[in-house]
Amino acid sequence: MTHAAVMQGVSAQGALTQEALTQEALTHDALTHDALTLSCRPGCGACCTAPSISSAIPGMPDGKPAGVPCIQLMPDLRCAIFGDPRRPAVCGGLQPSAEMCGPDRGHAIRWLTELEAATAPATASATALATAPATTPVTARAALPAR
């Protein structure tokens, strides 16, 4: 039963207080969250595509860049080396969660891509830009050619 359905049923009956209703909805959401954390969604493979992996993967000795599917990702979007000791530790450490996986693969790809961007090491040019002294902006008058 969805949160909205719970709210409609209780409102029509008037039997529960708003506090009880909120608690019931939170319990429902917690159960839904727990169900999503138990296993991966079939046909997803977002965590095998979106993040970069810096450690060696069989067939990808230098790891893989973000956004590139792992060579071990099979056509059905399952990992060919799941449970294999050669599988990178980072792969086993990334566990499905309601926040990460969301309602569909698209959400998971977006979430992991944002996480990748937020945690990527700074590049030399980005660091230089961030630490460069501010320059005086050119005014529109100074930018006009002389007459």
Protein backbone atom coordinates (compact mmCIF):
# COMPACT_ATOMS: atom_id res chain seq x y z
CA MET A 1 0.00 0.00 0.00
CA THR A 2 1.43 3.40 -0.95
CA HIS A 3 1.81 6.31 1.45
CA ALA A 4 -1.02 8.15 -0.37
CA ALA A 5 -3.29 5.10 -0.12
CA VAL A 6 -2.60 4.83 3.60
CA MET A 7 -3.41 8.54 4.02
CA GLN A 8 -6.69 8.28 2.06
CA GLY A 9 -7.91 5.23 3.97
CA VAL A 10 -7.15 6.71 7.36
CA SER A 11 -8.54 10.14 6.49
CA ALA A 12 -11.83 8.61 5.30
CA GLN A 13 -12.16 6.57 8.48
CA GLY A 14 -10.81 9.25 10.81
CA ALA A 15 -9.65 6.46 13.11
CA LEU A 16 -5.95 7.30 13.43
CA THR A 17 -4.24 10.48 14.50
CA GLN A 18 -1.82 12.25 12.14
CA GLU A 19 1.05 11.03 14.34
CA ALA A 20 -0.05 7.39 14.03
CA LEU A 21 -0.48 7.80 10.29
CA THR A 22 2.98 9.28 9.93
CA GLN A 23 4.46 6.41 11.96
CA GLU A 24 2.69 3.84 9.78
CA ALA A 25 3.96 5.52 6.62
CA LEU A 26 7.51 5.65 8.02
CA THR A 27 7.31 1.95 8.89
CA HIS A 28 6.14 1.18 5.34
CA ASP A 29 8.99 3.27 3.89
CA ALA A 30 11.51 1.51 6.14
CA LEU A 31 10.26 -1.90 4.99
CA THR A 32 10.51 -0.77 1.35
CA HIS A 33 14.04 0.53 2.02
CA ASP A 34 15.07 -2.76 3.65
CA ALA A 35 13.73 -4.72 0.67
CA LEU A 36 15.81 -2.62 -1.73
CA THR A 37 18.99 -3.14 0.25
CA LEU A 38 18.80 -6.93 0.12
CA SER A 39 19.82 -7.54 -3.48
CA CYS A 40 20.66 -5.94 -6.79
CA ARG A 41 17.95 -5.09 -9.30
CA PRO A 42 18.03 -7.56 -12.22
CA GLY A 43 19.02 -5.98 -15.53
CA CYS A 44 20.65 -2.89 -13.98
CA GLY A 45 24.47 -3.00 -13.94
CA ALA A 46 24.68 0.71 -13.03
CA CYS A 47 27.49 0.12 -10.52
CA CYS A 48 29.45 -1.75 -13.20
CA THR A 49 29.18 1.22 -15.57
CA ALA A 50 28.95 4.62 -13.85
CA PRO A 51 31.88 4.65 -11.40
CA SER A 52 35.55 4.53 -12.23
CA ILE A 53 37.55 1.63 -10.79
CA SER A 54 41.26 2.23 -10.24
CA SER A 55 42.17 -1.33 -9.29
CA ALA A 56 42.83 -4.11 -11.77
CA ILE A 57 39.91 -6.08 -13.17
CA PRO A 58 40.46 -9.31 -15.15
CA GLY A 59 40.62 -8.05 -18.73
CA MET A 60 41.12 -4.42 -17.62
CA PRO A 61 44.50 -4.36 -15.85
CA ASP A 62 44.40 -0.58 -15.35
CA GLY A 63 40.83 -0.53 -14.05
CA LYS A 64 38.14 1.38 -15.92
CA PRO A 65 37.11 5.00 -16.38
CA ALA A 66 33.74 6.32 -15.23
CA GLY A 67 30.89 5.75 -17.67
CA VAL A 68 32.55 2.78 -19.36
CA PRO A 69 30.92 -0.62 -18.76
CA CYS A 70 33.22 -3.11 -17.06
CA ILE A 71 34.49 -5.81 -19.40
CA GLN A 72 33.07 -8.35 -16.92
CA LEU A 73 29.52 -7.01 -17.33
CA MET A 74 27.59 -9.65 -19.24
CA PRO A 75 24.84 -8.89 -21.81
CA ASP A 76 22.18 -9.55 -19.14
CA LEU A 77 23.91 -6.84 -17.02
CA ARG A 78 25.22 -9.27 -14.40
CA CYS A 79 28.83 -9.54 -13.27
CA ALA A 80 30.74 -12.46 -14.81
CA ILE A 81 33.15 -12.59 -11.84
CA PHE A 82 30.66 -12.09 -8.99
CA GLY A 83 31.99 -14.09 -6.01
CA ASP A 84 35.36 -14.59 -7.73
CA PRO A 85 38.39 -13.58 -5.60
CA ARG A 86 39.74 -11.64 -8.61
CA ARG A 87 36.77 -9.27 -8.41
CA PRO A 88 37.98 -5.87 -7.11
CA ALA A 89 37.25 -5.22 -3.43
CA VAL A 90 35.58 -1.92 -4.36
CA CYS A 91 32.93 -3.86 -6.29
CA GLY A 92 32.03 -5.97 -3.28
CA GLY A 93 32.04 -2.90 -1.06
CA LEU A 94 29.44 -1.07 -3.11
CA GLN A 95 26.14 -2.43 -1.82
CA PRO A 96 22.70 -1.58 -3.21
CA SER A 97 20.64 0.93 -1.24
CA ALA A 98 17.33 2.71 -1.76
CA GLU A 99 19.12 6.05 -2.06
CA MET A 100 21.58 4.82 -4.69
CA CYS A 101 19.36 2.47 -6.70
CA GLY A 102 16.15 4.49 -6.60
CA PRO A 103 13.18 3.34 -8.68
CA ASP A 104 15.11 2.39 -11.82
CA ARG A 105 18.47 1.98 -13.57
CA GLY A 106 18.40 5.58 -14.84
CA HIS A 107 18.24 6.89 -11.29
CA ALA A 108 21.12 4.63 -10.23
CA ILE A 109 23.29 5.77 -13.17
CA ARG A 110 22.61 9.46 -12.37
CA TRP A 111 23.25 8.99 -8.63
CA LEU A 112 26.51 7.12 -9.18
CA THR A 113 27.65 9.60 -11.84
CA GLU A 114 27.07 12.49 -9.39
CA LEU A 115 28.94 10.58 -6.68
CA GLU A 116 31.80 9.95 -9.10
CA ALA A 117 32.02 13.67 -9.96
CA ALA A 118 31.86 14.69 -6.29
CA THR A 119 34.63 12.30 -5.24
CA ALA A 120 36.93 12.48 -8.28
CA PRO A 121 40.45 13.71 -7.51
CA ALA A 122 41.12 17.27 -8.60
CA THR A 123 42.99 17.58 -11.88
CA ALA A 124 46.03 19.84 -12.17
CA SER A 125 44.11 22.39 -14.27
CA ALA A 126 41.13 22.43 -11.88
CA THR A 127 43.50 22.89 -8.94
CA ALA A 128 45.31 25.72 -10.73
CA LEU A 129 42.01 27.43 -11.51
CA ALA A 130 40.79 27.11 -7.95
CA THR A 131 44.00 28.53 -6.47
CA ALA A 132 44.72 31.22 -9.09
CA PRO A 133 44.49 34.82 -7.85
CA ALA A 134 41.40 36.68 -8.94
CA THR A 135 41.94 39.13 -11.77
CA THR A 136 40.29 42.49 -12.16
CA PRO A 137 37.35 42.10 -14.51
CA VAL A 138 37.45 44.03 -17.76
CA THR A 139 34.73 46.64 -17.92
CA ALA A 140 32.60 47.09 -20.99
CA ARG A 141 34.12 50.54 -21.60
CA ALA A 142 37.69 49.22 -21.53
CA ALA A 143 36.75 46.43 -23.91
CA LEU A 144 35.42 48.79 -26.60
CA PRO A 145 37.82 49.67 -29.43
CA ALA A 146 39.15 53.24 -29.51
CA ARG A 147 37.49 55.63 -31.99
